[in-house]
Structures are given as structure tokens and as C-alpha cells.
Amino acid sequence: SAIVGNQWSILDFGGIEKELAVKLNDDDIEKVLLCIDAVNRVKRLKLTNCVNITGVGLEPLRGSLIIEQIDLSLVGEHQ
């Protein structure tokens, strides 16, 4: 399944394998967010099962006027 929605408006890491999600850290997320200009593009960010995220890696979203949702839940939908 795709990680991204239409033109980066939805960035969904919840669709990746749990074994990979648990390896992602703040540095990884920060690099992705910077690379795609997330502050101006991402409306919904889903980090389901990304247990190594402390929040520091979300800094590139600071000042975003379009972000609507950040999901840091530890389980996906229907689990």
C-alpha cells in the first residue's frame, strides 16, 4: 500500500509493516517531512506503531497552517 495520499496531503506510516514502523525514529521522520515540504503540504500525518517517535522529529511542521491531524496511536484501526 502507498505511504502517501494525493500530493502529500496525507502521510500515512500506519500502512507499513509494524516491524518497520517500530524502527522509525524522530530523525527519520524529520528528514521525510523536510524533503516533502510537509509544513505546506501535509494535512494528516499518521504515525501508527511508530513507538520511537518522541515528537522532536515533528519540528518541520511547526507553523503549519494546514495540519489537521497527527496520529501517534500505538495500534492501527480495527486492531
Protein backbone atom coordinates (compact mmCIF):
# COMPACT_ATOMS: atom_id res chain seq x y z
CA SER A 1 0.00 0.00 0.00
CA ALA A 2 1.09 3.56 -0.59
CA ILE A 3 2.51 5.68 2.16
CA VAL A 4 1.24 8.93 0.71
CA GLY A 5 -2.06 10.29 -0.41
CA ASN A 6 -2.79 12.83 -3.10
CA GLN A 7 0.05 15.38 -3.34
CA TRP A 8 1.32 14.61 0.17
CA SER A 9 -1.85 15.83 1.90
CA ILE A 10 -1.92 12.55 3.82
CA LEU A 11 1.31 10.97 5.00
CA ASP A 12 0.40 7.56 6.44
CA PHE A 13 3.08 5.40 8.03
CA GLY A 14 0.33 3.27 9.59
CA GLY A 15 0.14 1.24 6.39
CA ILE A 16 3.69 -0.03 6.58
CA GLU A 17 4.72 -3.25 8.27
CA LYS A 18 4.81 -2.99 12.06
CA GLU A 19 8.40 -4.29 12.10
CA LEU A 20 9.47 -1.29 10.02
CA ALA A 21 7.29 1.23 11.86
CA VAL A 22 8.94 0.42 15.19
CA LYS A 23 12.36 1.18 13.67
CA LEU A 24 11.45 4.69 12.55
CA ASN A 25 12.73 7.46 14.80
CA ASP A 26 12.45 11.23 15.04
CA ASP A 27 15.44 11.77 12.75
CA ASP A 28 13.86 9.63 10.02
CA ILE A 29 10.50 11.40 10.27
CA GLU A 30 12.13 14.85 10.33
CA LYS A 31 14.05 14.10 7.13
CA VAL A 32 10.92 12.92 5.33
CA LEU A 33 8.91 15.95 6.47
CA LEU A 34 11.65 18.34 5.30
CA CYS A 35 12.08 16.53 1.98
CA ILE A 36 8.40 16.85 1.04
CA ASP A 37 7.90 20.39 2.42
CA ALA A 38 5.36 19.00 4.86
CA VAL A 39 4.71 22.33 6.59
CA ASN A 40 2.97 23.47 3.40
CA ARG A 41 1.55 20.16 2.18
CA VAL A 42 0.63 17.65 4.89
CA LYS A 43 -2.85 17.85 6.38
CA ARG A 44 -2.87 14.46 8.10
CA LEU A 45 0.15 12.62 9.49
CA LYS A 46 -0.34 9.07 10.74
CA LEU A 47 2.50 7.54 12.75
CA THR A 48 0.66 4.45 14.00
CA ASN A 49 3.02 1.96 15.70
CA CYS A 50 5.98 4.35 15.39
CA VAL A 51 6.92 3.85 19.03
CA ASN A 52 10.32 5.59 18.78
CA ILE A 53 8.81 8.99 17.95
CA THR A 54 9.19 11.46 20.82
CA GLY A 55 7.97 14.49 18.92
CA VAL A 56 11.30 16.17 18.21
CA GLY A 57 11.11 14.96 14.60
CA LEU A 58 7.84 16.84 14.08
CA GLU A 59 9.62 20.20 14.24
CA PRO A 60 9.32 20.72 10.45
CA LEU A 61 5.54 21.01 10.95
CA ARG A 62 5.89 23.99 13.31
CA GLY A 63 3.99 26.95 11.91
CA SER A 64 1.87 24.85 9.57
CA LEU A 65 -1.45 26.46 8.79
CA ILE A 66 -2.86 23.35 7.12
CA ILE A 67 -2.11 20.47 9.51
CA GLU A 68 -5.37 18.96 10.75
CA GLN A 69 -4.38 15.70 12.43
CA ILE A 70 -1.31 13.96 13.83
CA ASP A 71 -1.99 10.35 14.85
CA LEU A 72 0.57 8.86 17.25
CA SER A 73 -1.57 5.89 18.29
CA LEU A 74 0.15 2.63 19.17
CA VAL A 75 -2.34 0.41 17.33
CA GLY A 76 -3.93 0.73 13.92
CA GLU A 77 -7.61 0.89 13.15
CA HIS A 78 -9.55 -2.34 13.75
CA GLN A 79 -6.79 -3.86 15.92
